[in-house]
C-alpha atoms as a PDB file:
ATOM      1  CA  MET A   1       6.322 236.961-113.115  1.00  0.00           C
ATOM      2  CA  VAL A   2       4.578 240.149-114.271  1.00  0.00           C
ATOM      3  CA  LYS A   3       7.819 241.675-115.543  1.00  0.00           C
ATOM      4  CA  GLY A   4       8.499 238.441-117.432  1.00  0.00           C
ATOM      5  CA  VAL A   5       5.104 238.618-119.136  1.00  0.00           C
ATOM      6  CA  ILE A   6       5.748 242.222-120.163  1.00  0.00           C
ATOM      7  CA  ALA A   7       9.177 241.313-121.562  1.00  0.00           C
ATOM      8  CA  GLY A   8       7.791 238.264-123.355  1.00  0.00           C
ATOM      9  CA  PHE A   9       5.091 240.221-125.161  1.00  0.00           C
ATOM     10  CA  TRP A  10       7.536 242.995-126.080  1.00  0.00           C
ATOM     11  CA  ASN A  11       9.974 240.412-127.463  1.00  0.00           C
ATOM     12  CA  ALA A  12       7.205 238.705-129.416  1.00  0.00           C
ATOM     13  CA  SER A  13       6.084 242.046-130.851  1.00  0.00           C
ATOM     14  CA  THR A  14       9.544 242.876-132.140  1.00  0.00           C
ATOM     15  CA  ASP A  15      10.667 239.428-133.302  1.00  0.00           C
ATOM     16  CA  ARG A  16      10.025 239.048-137.047  1.00  0.00           C
ATOM     17  CA  GLU A  17      10.031 235.255-136.741  1.00  0.00           C
ATOM     18  CA  VAL A  18       7.114 235.235-134.284  1.00  0.00           C
ATOM     19  CA  VAL A  19       3.754 235.094-136.059  1.00  0.00           C
ATOM     20  CA  ALA A  20       1.470 234.662-133.008  1.00  0.00           C
ATOM     21  CA  VAL A  21       1.623 234.368-129.228  1.00  0.00           C
ATOM     22  CA  ILE A  22       0.024 231.586-127.215  1.00  0.00           C
ATOM     23  CA  PHE A  23      -0.376 232.730-123.615  1.00  0.00           C
ATOM     24  CA  THR A  24      -0.847 229.895-121.140  1.00  0.00           C
ATOM     25  CA  GLY A  25       0.049 228.805-117.650  1.00  0.00           C
ATOM     26  CA  THR A  26       1.702 225.696-116.337  1.00  0.00           C
ATOM     27  CA  GLY A  27      -0.212 222.646-115.241  1.00  0.00           C
ATOM     28  CA  ASN A  28      -3.728 221.668-116.198  1.00  0.00           C
ATOM     29  CA  ALA A  29      -5.851 222.197-113.089  1.00  0.00           C
ATOM     30  CA  ALA A  30      -7.145 225.764-113.432  1.00  0.00           C
ATOM     31  CA  PHE A  31      -6.612 229.320-114.666  1.00  0.00           C
ATOM     32  CA  CYS A  32      -7.295 232.367-112.514  1.00  0.00           C
ATOM     33  CA  SER A  33      -7.226 235.925-113.823  1.00  0.00           C
ATOM     34  CA  GLY A  34      -7.384 237.579-110.437  1.00  0.00           C
ATOM     35  CA  GLY A  35      -6.649 237.290-106.792  1.00  0.00           C
ATOM     36  CA  ASN A  36      -8.271 237.471-103.392  1.00  0.00           C
ATOM     37  CA  THR A  37      -9.658 241.016-103.375  1.00  0.00           C
ATOM     38  CA  VAL A  38     -10.379 240.964 -99.628  1.00  0.00           C
ATOM     39  CA  GLU A  39      -6.794 239.975 -98.893  1.00  0.00           C
ATOM     40  CA  TYR A  40      -5.470 242.617-101.317  1.00  0.00           C
ATOM     41  CA  SER A  41      -7.668 245.278 -99.736  1.00  0.00           C
ATOM     42  CA  GLU A  42      -6.459 244.489 -96.225  1.00  0.00           C
ATOM     43  CA  TYR A  43      -2.808 244.443 -97.283  1.00  0.00           C
ATOM     44  CA  TYR A  44      -2.721 247.472 -99.593  1.00  0.00           C
ATOM     45  CA  SER A  45      -5.026 249.749 -97.560  1.00  0.00           C
ATOM     46  CA  ARG A  46      -2.031 250.357 -95.287  1.00  0.00           C
ATOM     47  CA  ARG A  47       0.456 250.664 -98.163  1.00  0.00           C
ATOM     48  CA  PRO A  48      -0.846 253.160-100.753  1.00  0.00           C
ATOM     49  CA  LYS A  49       2.515 253.685-102.483  1.00  0.00           C
ATOM     50  CA  GLU A  50       3.099 249.941-102.777  1.00  0.00           C
ATOM     51  CA  TYR A  51      -0.442 249.558-104.145  1.00  0.00           C
ATOM     52  CA  GLN A  52       0.199 252.217-106.801  1.00  0.00           C
ATOM     53  CA  ASP A  53       3.449 250.515-107.820  1.00  0.00           C
ATOM     54  CA  TYR A  54       1.665 247.150-108.037  1.00  0.00           C
ATOM     55  CA  MET A  55      -1.171 248.581-110.135  1.00  0.00           C
ATOM     56  CA  ASP A  56       1.271 250.357-112.464  1.00  0.00           C
ATOM     57  CA  LEU A  57       3.085 247.079-113.032  1.00  0.00           C
ATOM     58  CA  PHE A  58      -0.152 245.099-113.464  1.00  0.00           C
ATOM     59  CA  ASN A  59      -1.528 247.690-115.913  1.00  0.00           C
ATOM     60  CA  GLY A  60       1.762 247.523-117.814  1.00  0.00           C
ATOM     61  CA  MET A  61       1.268 243.782-118.177  1.00  0.00           C
ATOM     62  CA  VAL A  62      -2.286 244.196-119.471  1.00  0.00           C
ATOM     63  CA  ASP A  63      -1.108 246.913-121.875  1.00  0.00           C
ATOM     64  CA  SER A  64       1.673 244.656-123.166  1.00  0.00           C
ATOM     65  CA  ILE A  65      -0.911 242.017-124.071  1.00  0.00           C
ATOM     66  CA  LEU A  66      -3.381 244.462-125.621  1.00  0.00           C
ATOM     67  CA  ASN A  67      -0.670 246.268-127.596  1.00  0.00           C
ATOM     68  CA  CYS A  68       1.130 243.166-128.831  1.00  0.00           C
ATOM     69  CA  LYS A  69       1.756 243.461-132.577  1.00  0.00           C
ATOM     70  CA  LYS A  70       1.017 239.757-133.058  1.00  0.00           C
ATOM     71  CA  PRO A  71      -2.250 237.850-132.602  1.00  0.00           C
ATOM     72  CA  VAL A  72      -2.598 236.588-129.024  1.00  0.00           C
ATOM     73  CA  ILE A  73      -4.295 233.309-128.149  1.00  0.00           C
ATOM     74  CA  CYS A  74      -5.046 232.479-124.515  1.00  0.00           C
ATOM     75  CA  ARG A  75      -4.818 228.741-123.981  1.00  0.00           C
ATOM     76  CA  VAL A  76      -6.662 227.934-120.785  1.00  0.00           C
ATOM     77  CA  ASN A  77      -5.988 224.611-119.075  1.00  0.00           C
ATOM     78  CA  GLY A  78      -8.752 223.272-116.843  1.00  0.00           C
ATOM     79  CA  MET A  79     -11.289 225.451-115.019  1.00  0.00           C
ATOM     80  CA  ARG A  80     -11.516 229.179-115.653  1.00  0.00           C
ATOM     81  CA  VAL A  81     -12.067 231.367-112.597  1.00  0.00           C
ATOM     82  CA  ALA A  82     -12.118 235.170-112.403  1.00  0.00           C
ATOM     83  CA  GLY A  83     -11.112 236.804-109.134  1.00  0.00           C
END
């Protein structure tokens, strides 16, 4: 999913027919920007290389949104929860 988001924002940035990006999820129950930090800590504390790879990919996704050449609108369906 993360690689798809990166590709989508890059494509939107370079496509002259795209004038804005609406970033949304599927469904209408909730939106979560994070995950279970306790679970992540337990899993990645034993896998430092895998953690670094994950963070590089995640940071690449955030950078692709922040550096998008088009206006970005986040359409949130339902509750908003930060992890």
